[in-house]
Amino acid sequence: MESVGDVQYVVVHGYRRAFRISGSGPALLLLHGLGCDSSTWVDVIPTLAEHFTVIAPDLLGHGESDKPDADYSLGGYANGMRDLLTILGIDKATVVGHSFGGGVAMQFAYQFPDRTERVVLVSTGGLGREVTPLVRLLTIPGSGAALAVATFRPWRPLVAGGMRALSRSPLSATRDLDEVARIYETLADPATRKAVQRVTSHVLNWRGQFVTMTDRSYLARMMPVVVIWGRHDMVIPASHADFAPTQVSDVHVLEDAGHFPHKDHPAEFCRIVEEFIAANEPATYHRGKWRALLRRGDQFELESVDPLGPALGGVPQIS
């Protein structure tokens, strides 16, 4: 493992994975969104690292991680995060996911409930169909060639500079354009462009998102979940928060914030995360309860399970 500045690298299954790690204490895994990388969290890492071991990876196909022709599905990403945590000697973590990373966070909790203590969803995907047309365009045939032209060197600085200038205007609709400019610049790289398109093809098409976790939201009864959104999110509507799995905890919609509430209000974001963790004990995985919940769905009452005896309906309890 080698270190370059505050970014470290480790090889997993033959592919280089970049990540940032800071602090000490309970583990906090921060997962960025589509086209972004771990730098999206730099405004909150120092504060969170005062209380937690913060791990912020560049997902495969993003940032300084490799961009192979590989598995870019939600399940593949969840497996990669499990393997990274295992290499780092971390058994369990509170998983924080932004946008597409929120979908990965939910998938991680679904696949590895025994390794998930809590879930924090930030402007998350996976709760509704609507998503900005700019993302849907990535799934249209020929979009790769169009992006290659759109990010061509002669006009790339002008386009990116124009976006950044607009982001400083008082209009809520343009507040996220500085981050959009960063994503736009990374898409000039053919390997990044191909990887991002592969990711989008797994979760959405030109009509919008088709992968949802709402059919499994009842499983959140076994795990603390909190949702954070920006009121003026122009990428994924804040109204999707109404469909969040929040049987255990709360929804926080921040005013004067867009798709990146952790960047618009880093201090408030950290306060919400810290208070959420302090108020909610880590989830305790119980295989019998998990099995019973899967069998009975929303009709199952967790209180009806005697950990020392059979569950309601004859489901055996195995701790």
C-alpha atoms as a PDB file:
ATOM      1  CA  MET A   1       0.000   0.000   0.000  1.00  0.00           C
ATOM      2  CA  GLU A   2       1.464   3.380  -1.006  1.00  0.00           C
ATOM      3  CA  SER A   3       0.420   6.869  -0.004  1.00  0.00           C
ATOM      4  CA  VAL A   4       0.265  10.013  -2.135  1.00  0.00           C
ATOM      5  CA  GLY A   5      -0.753  12.990  -0.021  1.00  0.00           C
ATOM      6  CA  ASP A   6      -4.012  12.210   1.772  1.00  0.00           C
ATOM      7  CA  VAL A   7      -5.026   9.644  -0.857  1.00  0.00           C
ATOM      8  CA  GLN A   8      -3.944   6.041  -0.391  1.00  0.00           C
ATOM      9  CA  TYR A   9      -4.086   3.096  -2.744  1.00  0.00           C
ATOM     10  CA  VAL A  10      -4.680  -0.622  -2.367  1.00  0.00           C
ATOM     11  CA  VAL A  11      -5.109  -3.309  -5.007  1.00  0.00           C
ATOM     12  CA  VAL A  12      -8.317  -5.377  -4.733  1.00  0.00           C
ATOM     13  CA  HIS A  13      -8.921  -8.194  -7.217  1.00  0.00           C
ATOM     14  CA  GLY A  14      -6.210  -6.767  -9.446  1.00  0.00           C
ATOM     15  CA  TYR A  15      -7.636  -3.230  -9.591  1.00  0.00           C
ATOM     16  CA  ARG A  16      -6.203  -0.192  -7.854  1.00  0.00           C
ATOM     17  CA  ARG A  17      -8.618   1.453  -5.429  1.00  0.00           C
ATOM     18  CA  ALA A  18      -7.994   4.965  -4.161  1.00  0.00           C
ATOM     19  CA  PHE A  19      -9.321   6.062  -0.787  1.00  0.00           C
ATOM     20  CA  ARG A  20      -8.915   8.630   1.964  1.00  0.00           C
ATOM     21  CA  ILE A  21      -8.783   7.571   5.590  1.00  0.00           C
ATOM     22  CA  SER A  22      -8.629   9.841   8.603  1.00  0.00           C
ATOM     23  CA  GLY A  23      -9.388   9.922  12.326  1.00  0.00           C
ATOM     24  CA  SER A  24     -10.064   7.178  14.835  1.00  0.00           C
ATOM     25  CA  GLY A  25     -13.048   5.582  16.503  1.00  0.00           C
ATOM     26  CA  PRO A  26     -16.128   3.870  15.001  1.00  0.00           C
ATOM     27  CA  ALA A  27     -15.942   3.503  11.222  1.00  0.00           C
ATOM     28  CA  LEU A  28     -17.784   5.865   8.893  1.00  0.00           C
ATOM     29  CA  LEU A  29     -17.784   4.886   5.194  1.00  0.00           C
ATOM     30  CA  LEU A  30     -18.493   7.810   2.832  1.00  0.00           C
ATOM     31  CA  LEU A  31     -19.647   6.914  -0.696  1.00  0.00           C
ATOM     32  CA  HIS A  32     -19.723   9.604  -3.392  1.00  0.00           C
ATOM     33  CA  GLY A  33     -22.091   9.997  -6.320  1.00  0.00           C
ATOM     34  CA  LEU A  34     -21.935   9.396 -10.059  1.00  0.00           C
ATOM     35  CA  GLY A  35     -19.000  11.100 -11.760  1.00  0.00           C
ATOM     36  CA  CYS A  36     -17.643  12.435  -8.463  1.00  0.00           C
ATOM     37  CA  ASP A  37     -14.874  11.101  -6.221  1.00  0.00           C
ATOM     38  CA  SER A  38     -13.829  11.168  -2.575  1.00  0.00           C
ATOM     39  CA  SER A  39     -12.924  14.870  -2.778  1.00  0.00           C
ATOM     40  CA  THR A  40     -16.646  15.684  -2.571  1.00  0.00           C
ATOM     41  CA  TRP A  41     -16.331  14.973   1.180  1.00  0.00           C
ATOM     42  CA  VAL A  42     -13.271  17.144   1.937  1.00  0.00           C
ATOM     43  CA  ASP A  43     -15.357  19.830   3.685  1.00  0.00           C
ATOM     44  CA  VAL A  44     -16.757  17.339   6.210  1.00  0.00           C
ATOM     45  CA  ILE A  45     -13.959  14.808   6.699  1.00  0.00           C
ATOM     46  CA  PRO A  46     -11.923  16.867   9.222  1.00  0.00           C
ATOM     47  CA  THR A  47     -14.921  17.413  11.515  1.00  0.00           C
ATOM     48  CA  LEU A  48     -16.177  13.844  11.262  1.00  0.00           C
ATOM     49  CA  ALA A  49     -12.657  12.497  11.810  1.00  0.00           C
ATOM     50  CA  GLU A  50     -12.643  14.079  15.276  1.00  0.00           C
ATOM     51  CA  HIS A  51     -14.983  11.283  16.386  1.00  0.00           C
ATOM     52  CA  PHE A  52     -14.791   8.563  13.739  1.00  0.00           C
ATOM     53  CA  THR A  53     -12.483   6.619  11.482  1.00  0.00           C
ATOM     54  CA  VAL A  54     -13.566   8.102   8.169  1.00  0.00           C
ATOM     55  CA  ILE A  55     -13.019   6.078   4.994  1.00  0.00           C
ATOM     56  CA  ALA A  56     -13.863   7.829   1.727  1.00  0.00           C
ATOM     57  CA  PRO A  57     -13.064   5.725  -1.367  1.00  0.00           C
ATOM     58  CA  ASP A  58     -13.023   6.635  -5.026  1.00  0.00           C
ATOM     59  CA  LEU A  59     -15.478   4.091  -6.381  1.00  0.00           C
ATOM     60  CA  LEU A  60     -14.205   1.897  -9.199  1.00  0.00           C
ATOM     61  CA  GLY A  61     -14.338   3.865 -12.453  1.00  0.00           C
ATOM     62  CA  HIS A  62     -14.074   7.202 -10.621  1.00  0.00           C
ATOM     63  CA  GLY A  63     -11.370   9.544  -9.402  1.00  0.00           C
ATOM     64  CA  GLU A  64      -7.974   7.922  -8.995  1.00  0.00           C
ATOM     65  CA  SER A  65      -9.297   4.366  -8.842  1.00  0.00           C
ATOM     66  CA  ASP A  66      -8.851   2.114 -11.874  1.00  0.00           C
ATOM     67  CA  LYS A  67     -11.439   2.220 -14.641  1.00  0.00           C
ATOM     68  CA  PRO A  68     -11.521  -1.325 -16.009  1.00  0.00           C
ATOM     69  CA  ASP A  69     -14.103  -3.074 -18.128  1.00  0.00           C
ATOM     70  CA  ALA A  70     -15.637  -4.644 -15.029  1.00  0.00           C
ATOM     71  CA  ASP A  71     -18.751  -4.952 -12.869  1.00  0.00           C
ATOM     72  CA  TYR A  72     -20.314  -1.544 -12.239  1.00  0.00           C
ATOM     73  CA  SER A  73     -23.567  -2.795 -10.740  1.00  0.00           C
ATOM     74  CA  LEU A  74     -24.803  -1.804  -7.286  1.00  0.00           C
ATOM     75  CA  GLY A  75     -24.061  -5.315  -6.063  1.00  0.00           C
ATOM     76  CA  GLY A  76     -20.551  -5.166  -7.486  1.00  0.00           C
ATOM     77  CA  TYR A  77     -19.875  -1.876  -5.737  1.00  0.00           C
ATOM     78  CA  ALA A  78     -21.236  -3.228  -2.448  1.00  0.00           C
ATOM     79  CA  ASN A  79     -18.895  -6.214  -2.743  1.00  0.00           C
ATOM     80  CA  GLY A  80     -15.978  -3.887  -3.433  1.00  0.00           C
ATOM     81  CA  MET A  81     -16.708  -1.841  -0.330  1.00  0.00           C
ATOM     82  CA  ARG A  82     -16.924  -4.985   1.800  1.00  0.00           C
ATOM     83  CA  ASP A  83     -13.552  -6.102   0.471  1.00  0.00           C
ATOM     84  CA  LEU A  84     -11.952  -2.694   1.047  1.00  0.00           C
ATOM     85  CA  LEU A  85     -13.188  -2.601   4.648  1.00  0.00           C
ATOM     86  CA  THR A  86     -11.934  -6.137   5.166  1.00  0.00           C
ATOM     87  CA  ILE A  87      -8.455  -5.234   3.925  1.00  0.00           C
ATOM     88  CA  LEU A  88      -8.444  -2.226   6.254  1.00  0.00           C
ATOM     89  CA  GLY A  89      -9.377  -4.472   9.184  1.00  0.00           C
ATOM     90  CA  ILE A  90     -12.804  -2.891   9.670  1.00  0.00           C
ATOM     91  CA  ASP A  91     -15.653  -5.268  10.471  1.00  0.00           C
ATOM     92  CA  LYS A  92     -18.601  -2.859  10.692  1.00  0.00           C
ATOM     93  CA  ALA A  93     -19.373   0.693   9.631  1.00  0.00           C
ATOM     94  CA  THR A  94     -22.015   3.367   9.463  1.00  0.00           C
ATOM     95  CA  VAL A  95     -22.459   3.815   5.707  1.00  0.00           C
ATOM     96  CA  VAL A  96     -23.065   7.290   4.262  1.00  0.00           C
ATOM     97  CA  GLY A  97     -24.060   7.475   0.596  1.00  0.00           C
ATOM     98  CA  HIS A  98     -24.607  10.504  -1.637  1.00  0.00           C
ATOM     99  CA  SER A  99     -26.709  10.297  -4.813  1.00  0.00           C
ATOM    100  CA  PHE A 100     -25.648   7.093  -6.632  1.00  0.00           C
ATOM    101  CA  GLY A 101     -23.555   6.350  -3.536  1.00  0.00           C
ATOM    102  CA  GLY A 102     -26.813   6.268  -1.585  1.00  0.00           C
ATOM    103  CA  GLY A 103     -27.935   3.404  -3.786  1.00  0.00           C
ATOM    104  CA  VAL A 104     -24.644   1.639  -3.066  1.00  0.00           C
ATOM    105  CA  ALA A 105     -25.138   2.291   0.672  1.00  0.00           C
ATOM    106  CA  MET A 106     -28.605   0.737   0.605  1.00  0.00           C
ATOM    107  CA  GLN A 107     -27.316  -2.215  -1.406  1.00  0.00           C
ATOM    108  CA  PHE A 108     -24.436  -2.687   1.050  1.00  0.00           C
ATOM    109  CA  ALA A 109     -26.861  -2.718   3.979  1.00  0.00           C
ATOM    110  CA  TYR A 110     -29.092  -5.194   2.128  1.00  0.00           C
ATOM    111  CA  GLN A 111     -26.240  -7.555   1.195  1.00  0.00           C
ATOM    112  CA  PHE A 112     -24.246  -7.209   4.403  1.00  0.00           C
ATOM    113  CA  PRO A 113     -26.599  -6.359   7.299  1.00  0.00           C
ATOM    114  CA  ASP A 114     -24.122  -7.993   9.676  1.00  0.00           C
ATOM    115  CA  ARG A 115     -21.534  -5.372   8.713  1.00  0.00           C
ATOM    116  CA  THR A 116     -23.794  -2.306   8.654  1.00  0.00           C
ATOM    117  CA  GLU A 117     -24.394  -0.322  11.847  1.00  0.00           C
ATOM    118  CA  ARG A 118     -26.445   2.560  10.430  1.00  0.00           C
ATOM    119  CA  VAL A 119     -27.238   4.165   7.059  1.00  0.00           C
ATOM    120  CA  VAL A 120     -27.120   7.859   6.125  1.00  0.00           C
ATOM    121  CA  LEU A 121     -28.716   8.681   2.749  1.00  0.00           C
ATOM    122  CA  VAL A 122     -27.777  12.024   1.177  1.00  0.00           C
ATOM    123  CA  SER A 123     -29.805  13.223  -1.837  1.00  0.00           C
ATOM    124  CA  THR A 124     -29.965   9.544  -2.682  1.00  0.00           C
ATOM    125  CA  GLY A 125     -30.881   7.698  -5.806  1.00  0.00           C
ATOM    126  CA  GLY A 126     -33.061   4.613  -5.713  1.00  0.00           C
ATOM    127  CA  LEU A 127     -36.211   6.123  -4.190  1.00  0.00           C
ATOM    128  CA  GLY A 128     -38.051   7.302  -7.306  1.00  0.00           C
ATOM    129  CA  ARG A 129     -37.914   7.498 -11.090  1.00  0.00           C
ATOM    130  CA  GLU A 130     -37.231  11.217 -11.575  1.00  0.00           C
ATOM    131  CA  VAL A 131     -33.678  12.351 -12.280  1.00  0.00           C
ATOM    132  CA  THR A 132     -32.242  15.285 -14.232  1.00  0.00           C
ATOM    133  CA  PRO A 133     -32.291  14.898 -18.048  1.00  0.00           C
ATOM    134  CA  LEU A 134     -28.533  15.535 -18.080  1.00  0.00           C
ATOM    135  CA  VAL A 135     -27.990  12.145 -16.437  1.00  0.00           C
ATOM    136  CA  ARG A 136     -30.626  10.373 -18.523  1.00  0.00           C
ATOM    137  CA  LEU A 137     -28.862  11.529 -21.693  1.00  0.00           C
ATOM    138  CA  LEU A 138     -25.880   9.344 -20.755  1.00  0.00           C
ATOM    139  CA  THR A 139     -27.957   6.250 -21.568  1.00  0.00           C
ATOM    140  CA  ILE A 140     -28.902   7.281 -25.109  1.00  0.00           C
ATOM    141  CA  PRO A 141     -27.039   5.526 -27.966  1.00  0.00           C
ATOM    142  CA  GLY A 142     -24.312   7.792 -29.306  1.00  0.00           C
ATOM    143  CA  SER A 143     -24.016   9.779 -26.087  1.00  0.00           C
ATOM    144  CA  GLY A 144     -20.385   8.705 -25.710  1.00  0.00           C
ATOM    145  CA  ALA A 145     -19.431  10.296 -29.014  1.00  0.00           C
ATOM    146  CA  ALA A 146     -21.461  13.395 -28.169  1.00  0.00           C
ATOM    147  CA  LEU A 147     -19.658  13.716 -24.830  1.00  0.00           C
ATOM    148  CA  ALA A 148     -16.289  13.365 -26.547  1.00  0.00           C
ATOM    149  CA  VAL A 149     -17.188  16.324 -28.734  1.00  0.00           C
ATOM    150  CA  ALA A 150     -18.750  18.306 -25.867  1.00  0.00           C
ATOM    151  CA  THR A 151     -15.600  17.961 -23.758  1.00  0.00           C
ATOM    152  CA  PHE A 152     -13.151  18.656 -26.607  1.00  0.00           C
ATOM    153  CA  ARG A 153     -10.149  20.651 -25.380  1.00  0.00           C
ATOM    154  CA  PRO A 154     -10.670  23.947 -27.324  1.00  0.00           C
ATOM    155  CA  TRP A 155     -13.966  24.788 -25.619  1.00  0.00           C
ATOM    156  CA  ARG A 156     -13.716  22.706 -22.436  1.00  0.00           C
ATOM    157  CA  PRO A 157     -12.234  25.553 -20.295  1.00  0.00           C
ATOM    158  CA  LEU A 158     -14.874  27.968 -21.564  1.00  0.00           C
ATOM    159  CA  VAL A 159     -17.775  25.635 -20.754  1.00  0.00           C
ATOM    160  CA  ALA A 160     -16.400  24.713 -17.332  1.00  0.00           C
ATOM    161  CA  GLY A 161     -15.601  28.329 -16.531  1.00  0.00           C
ATOM    162  CA  GLY A 162     -19.098  29.392 -17.543  1.00  0.00           C
ATOM    163  CA  MET A 163     -20.643  26.787 -15.249  1.00  0.00           C
ATOM    164  CA  ARG A 164     -18.503  27.924 -12.315  1.00  0.00           C
ATOM    165  CA  ALA A 165     -19.435  31.552 -12.928  1.00  0.00           C
ATOM    166  CA  LEU A 166     -23.137  30.670 -12.999  1.00  0.00           C
ATOM    167  CA  SER A 167     -22.774  28.684  -9.762  1.00  0.00           C
ATOM    168  CA  ARG A 168     -21.908  31.936  -7.977  1.00  0.00           C
ATOM    169  CA  SER A 169     -25.183  33.573  -8.982  1.00  0.00           C
ATOM    170  CA  PRO A 170     -28.004  33.848  -6.420  1.00  0.00           C
ATOM    171  CA  LEU A 171     -30.205  31.481  -8.444  1.00  0.00           C
ATOM    172  CA  SER A 172     -30.937  28.195  -6.674  1.00  0.00           C
ATOM    173  CA  ALA A 173     -31.110  26.396 -10.030  1.00  0.00           C
ATOM    174  CA  THR A 174     -27.411  27.053 -10.720  1.00  0.00           C
ATOM    175  CA  ARG A 175     -25.901  26.461  -7.273  1.00  0.00           C
ATOM    176  CA  ASP A 176     -24.558  22.967  -8.108  1.00  0.00           C
ATOM    177  CA  LEU A 177     -22.900  23.927 -11.385  1.00  0.00           C
ATOM    178  CA  ASP A 178     -19.441  24.095  -9.810  1.00  0.00           C
ATOM    179  CA  GLU A 179     -19.684  20.373  -9.088  1.00  0.00           C
ATOM    180  CA  VAL A 180     -21.223  19.752 -12.499  1.00  0.00           C
ATOM    181  CA  ALA A 181     -18.207  21.522 -14.024  1.00  0.00           C
ATOM    182  CA  ARG A 182     -15.854  19.120 -12.231  1.00  0.00           C
ATOM    183  CA  ILE A 183     -17.796  16.127 -13.501  1.00  0.00           C
ATOM    184  CA  TYR A 184     -17.879  17.605 -17.007  1.00  0.00           C
ATOM    185  CA  GLU A 185     -14.086  17.956 -16.998  1.00  0.00           C
ATOM    186  CA  THR A 186     -13.540  14.351 -15.850  1.00  0.00           C
ATOM    187  CA  LEU A 187     -15.738  13.091 -18.707  1.00  0.00           C
ATOM    188  CA  ALA A 188     -13.095  14.288 -21.161  1.00  0.00           C
ATOM    189  CA  ASP A 189     -11.179  11.130 -20.220  1.00  0.00           C
ATOM    190  CA  PRO A 190     -12.419   8.216 -22.404  1.00  0.00           C
ATOM    191  CA  ALA A 191     -11.968   5.609 -19.632  1.00  0.00           C
ATOM    192  CA  THR A 192     -13.944   7.709 -17.132  1.00  0.00           C
ATOM    193  CA  ARG A 193     -16.621   8.404 -19.716  1.00  0.00           C
ATOM    194  CA  LYS A 194     -17.051   4.703 -20.474  1.00  0.00           C
ATOM    195  CA  ALA A 195     -17.146   3.768 -16.787  1.00  0.00           C
ATOM    196  CA  VAL A 196     -19.755   6.412 -15.944  1.00  0.00           C
ATOM    197  CA  GLN A 197     -21.939   5.258 -18.820  1.00  0.00           C
ATOM    198  CA  ARG A 198     -21.629   1.669 -17.633  1.00  0.00           C
ATOM    199  CA  VAL A 199     -22.738   2.736 -14.155  1.00  0.00           C
ATOM    200  CA  THR A 200     -25.781   4.625 -15.441  1.00  0.00           C
ATOM    201  CA  SER A 201     -26.869   1.685 -17.605  1.00  0.00           C
ATOM    202  CA  HIS A 202     -27.273  -0.425 -14.447  1.00  0.00           C
ATOM    203  CA  VAL A 203     -29.657   1.946 -12.673  1.00  0.00           C
ATOM    204  CA  LEU A 204     -31.501   4.126 -15.192  1.00  0.00           C
ATOM    205  CA  ASN A 205     -32.523   4.659 -18.801  1.00  0.00           C
ATOM    206  CA  TRP A 206     -33.774   7.627 -20.801  1.00  0.00           C
ATOM    207  CA  ARG A 207     -37.053   7.542 -18.835  1.00  0.00           C
ATOM    208  CA  GLY A 208     -35.328   7.771 -15.455  1.00  0.00           C
ATOM    209  CA  GLN A 209     -34.296   5.482 -12.605  1.00  0.00           C
ATOM    210  CA  PHE A 210     -35.579   1.922 -12.812  1.00  0.00           C
ATOM    211  CA  VAL A 211     -33.707   0.425  -9.856  1.00  0.00           C
ATOM    212  CA  THR A 212     -35.475   1.031  -6.562  1.00  0.00           C
ATOM    213  CA  MET A 213     -34.939  -0.016  -2.968  1.00  0.00           C
ATOM    214  CA  THR A 214     -38.428   1.009  -1.856  1.00  0.00           C
ATOM    215  CA  ASP A 215     -39.684  -2.563  -2.194  1.00  0.00           C
ATOM    216  CA  ARG A 216     -37.222  -3.512   0.552  1.00  0.00           C
ATOM    217  CA  SER A 217     -37.583  -0.403   2.695  1.00  0.00           C
ATOM    218  CA  TYR A 218     -39.310  -2.403   5.451  1.00  0.00           C
ATOM    219  CA  LEU A 219     -35.910  -3.945   6.208  1.00  0.00           C
ATOM    220  CA  ALA A 220     -34.912  -0.562   7.661  1.00  0.00           C
ATOM    221  CA  ARG A 221     -36.863  -1.609  10.746  1.00  0.00           C
ATOM    222  CA  MET A 222     -33.746  -3.597  11.611  1.00  0.00           C
ATOM    223  CA  MET A 223     -31.355  -0.689  11.103  1.00  0.00           C
ATOM    224  CA  PRO A 224     -31.213   3.059  11.924  1.00  0.00           C
ATOM    225  CA  VAL A 225     -31.600   5.221   8.807  1.00  0.00           C
ATOM    226  CA  VAL A 226     -31.472   8.990   8.385  1.00  0.00           C
ATOM    227  CA  VAL A 227     -32.065  10.984   5.199  1.00  0.00           C
ATOM    228  CA  ILE A 228     -30.504  14.345   4.336  1.00  0.00           C
ATOM    229  CA  TRP A 229     -31.543  16.343   1.265  1.00  0.00           C
ATOM    230  CA  GLY A 230     -31.227  19.837  -0.195  1.00  0.00           C
ATOM    231  CA  ARG A 231     -34.482  21.697  -0.730  1.00  0.00           C
ATOM    232  CA  HIS A 232     -33.330  22.988  -4.141  1.00  0.00           C
ATOM    233  CA  ASP A 233     -31.916  19.730  -5.523  1.00  0.00           C
ATOM    234  CA  MET A 234     -32.101  19.962  -9.321  1.00  0.00           C
ATOM    235  CA  VAL A 235     -30.663  16.474  -9.909  1.00  0.00           C
ATOM    236  CA  ILE A 236     -32.964  14.245  -7.845  1.00  0.00           C
ATOM    237  CA  PRO A 237     -36.102  15.878  -6.395  1.00  0.00           C
ATOM    238  CA  ALA A 238     -36.186  16.364  -2.636  1.00  0.00           C
ATOM    239  CA  SER A 239     -39.729  14.967  -2.749  1.00  0.00           C
ATOM    240  CA  HIS A 240     -38.135  11.509  -3.059  1.00  0.00           C
ATOM    241  CA  ALA A 241     -37.361  11.807   0.645  1.00  0.00           C
ATOM    242  CA  ASP A 242     -41.029  11.002   1.222  1.00  0.00           C
ATOM    243  CA  PHE A 243     -40.320   7.443   0.032  1.00  0.00           C
ATOM    244  CA  ALA A 244     -37.269   6.937   2.228  1.00  0.00           C
ATOM    245  CA  PRO A 245     -37.025   3.980   4.633  1.00  0.00           C
ATOM    246  CA  THR A 246     -37.270   6.005   7.815  1.00  0.00           C
ATOM    247  CA  GLN A 247     -39.032   3.725  10.267  1.00  0.00           C
ATOM    248  CA  VAL A 248     -36.218   4.267  12.759  1.00  0.00           C
ATOM    249  CA  SER A 249     -35.143   7.878  12.371  1.00  0.00           C
ATOM    250  CA  ASP A 250     -35.611  11.169  10.540  1.00  0.00           C
ATOM    251  CA  VAL A 251     -35.587  13.135   7.297  1.00  0.00           C
ATOM    252  CA  HIS A 252     -33.706  16.442   7.165  1.00  0.00           C
ATOM    253  CA  VAL A 253     -34.374  18.714   4.178  1.00  0.00           C
ATOM    254  CA  LEU A 254     -31.894  21.593   4.340  1.00  0.00           C
ATOM    255  CA  GLU A 255     -32.930  25.010   3.107  1.00  0.00           C
ATOM    256  CA  ASP A 256     -30.648  26.942   0.754  1.00  0.00           C
ATOM    257  CA  ALA A 257     -29.051  23.680  -0.390  1.00  0.00           C
ATOM    258  CA  GLY A 258     -28.953  21.729  -3.640  1.00  0.00           C
ATOM    259  CA  HIS A 259     -27.834  18.246  -4.601  1.00  0.00           C
ATOM    260  CA  PHE A 260     -24.728  18.505  -2.416  1.00  0.00           C
ATOM    261  CA  PRO A 261     -25.997  19.479   1.061  1.00  0.00           C
ATOM    262  CA  HIS A 262     -22.725  18.258   2.613  1.00  0.00           C
ATOM    263  CA  LYS A 263     -20.933  20.958   0.597  1.00  0.00           C
ATOM    264  CA  ASP A 264     -23.564  23.686   0.983  1.00  0.00           C
ATOM    265  CA  HIS A 265     -23.828  23.273   4.775  1.00  0.00           C
ATOM    266  CA  PRO A 266     -20.898  21.146   6.008  1.00  0.00           C
ATOM    267  CA  ALA A 267     -21.260  22.122   9.679  1.00  0.00           C
ATOM    268  CA  GLU A 268     -24.995  21.335   9.705  1.00  0.00           C
ATOM    269  CA  PHE A 269     -24.374  18.093   7.836  1.00  0.00           C
ATOM    270  CA  CYS A 270     -21.778  16.956  10.377  1.00  0.00           C
ATOM    271  CA  ARG A 271     -24.048  17.909  13.270  1.00  0.00           C
ATOM    272  CA  ILE A 272     -26.909  15.812  11.872  1.00  0.00           C
ATOM    273  CA  VAL A 273     -24.657  12.801  11.283  1.00  0.00           C
ATOM    274  CA  GLU A 274     -23.036  13.023  14.714  1.00  0.00           C
ATOM    275  CA  GLU A 275     -26.353  13.428  16.530  1.00  0.00           C
ATOM    276  CA  PHE A 276     -27.907  10.588  14.540  1.00  0.00           C
ATOM    277  CA  ILE A 277     -25.082   8.238  15.490  1.00  0.00           C
ATOM    278  CA  ALA A 278     -25.165   9.329  19.132  1.00  0.00           C
ATOM    279  CA  ALA A 279     -28.931   8.785  19.348  1.00  0.00           C
ATOM    280  CA  ASN A 280     -29.023   5.379  17.623  1.00  0.00           C
ATOM    281  CA  GLU A 281     -27.181   2.308  18.823  1.00  0.00           C
ATOM    282  CA  PRO A 282     -25.562   0.224  16.071  1.00  0.00           C
ATOM    283  CA  ALA A 283     -27.849  -2.323  14.458  1.00  0.00           C
ATOM    284  CA  THR A 284     -27.355  -5.833  15.825  1.00  0.00           C
ATOM    285  CA  TYR A 285     -27.663  -8.493  13.170  1.00  0.00           C
ATOM    286  CA  HIS A 286     -29.884 -11.390  14.221  1.00  0.00           C
ATOM    287  CA  ARG A 287     -30.264 -13.994  11.490  1.00  0.00           C
ATOM    288  CA  GLY A 288     -33.541 -15.343  12.817  1.00  0.00           C
ATOM    289  CA  LYS A 289     -35.171 -11.920  12.988  1.00  0.00           C
ATOM    290  CA  TRP A 290     -33.857 -11.073   9.535  1.00  0.00           C
ATOM    291  CA  ARG A 291     -35.306 -14.307   8.150  1.00  0.00           C
ATOM    292  CA  ALA A 292     -38.657 -13.714   9.817  1.00  0.00           C
ATOM    293  CA  LEU A 293     -38.796 -10.141   8.544  1.00  0.00           C
ATOM    294  CA  LEU A 294     -38.075 -11.311   4.992  1.00  0.00           C
ATOM    295  CA  ARG A 295     -40.823 -13.935   5.235  1.00  0.00           C
ATOM    296  CA  ARG A 296     -43.505 -11.714   6.737  1.00  0.00           C
ATOM    297  CA  GLY A 297     -42.500  -8.297   5.382  1.00  0.00           C
ATOM    298  CA  ASP A 298     -44.399  -5.335   6.824  1.00  0.00           C
ATOM    299  CA  GLN A 299     -46.735  -7.692   8.681  1.00  0.00           C
ATOM    300  CA  PHE A 300     -43.943  -8.865  10.960  1.00  0.00           C
ATOM    301  CA  GLU A 301     -43.624  -7.436  14.456  1.00  0.00           C
ATOM    302  CA  LEU A 302     -40.045  -7.446  15.727  1.00  0.00           C
ATOM    303  CA  GLU A 303     -41.280  -7.403  19.311  1.00  0.00           C
ATOM    304  CA  SER A 304     -42.977 -10.761  18.740  1.00  0.00           C
ATOM    305  CA  VAL A 305     -39.620 -12.529  18.499  1.00  0.00           C
ATOM    306  CA  ASP A 306     -38.193 -14.200  21.542  1.00  0.00           C
ATOM    307  CA  PRO A 307     -34.416 -14.361  20.875  1.00  0.00           C
ATOM    308  CA  LEU A 308     -34.288 -17.538  22.970  1.00  0.00           C
ATOM    309  CA  GLY A 309     -37.223 -19.251  21.298  1.00  0.00           C
ATOM    310  CA  PRO A 310     -39.118 -19.650  18.008  1.00  0.00           C
ATOM    311  CA  ALA A 311     -40.390 -16.622  16.116  1.00  0.00           C
ATOM    312  CA  LEU A 312     -43.991 -15.862  15.331  1.00  0.00           C
ATOM    313  CA  GLY A 313     -45.179 -18.337  12.758  1.00  0.00           C
ATOM    314  CA  GLY A 314     -42.655 -21.005  13.636  1.00  0.00           C
ATOM    315  CA  VAL A 315     -39.605 -19.298  12.166  1.00  0.00           C
ATOM    316  CA  PRO A 316     -36.569 -20.654  14.031  1.00  0.00           C
ATOM    317  CA  GLN A 317     -34.272 -18.129  15.664  1.00  0.00           C
ATOM    318  CA  ILE A 318     -30.549 -18.533  15.074  1.00  0.00           C
ATOM    319  CA  SER A 319     -28.363 -15.890  16.641  1.00  0.00           C
END
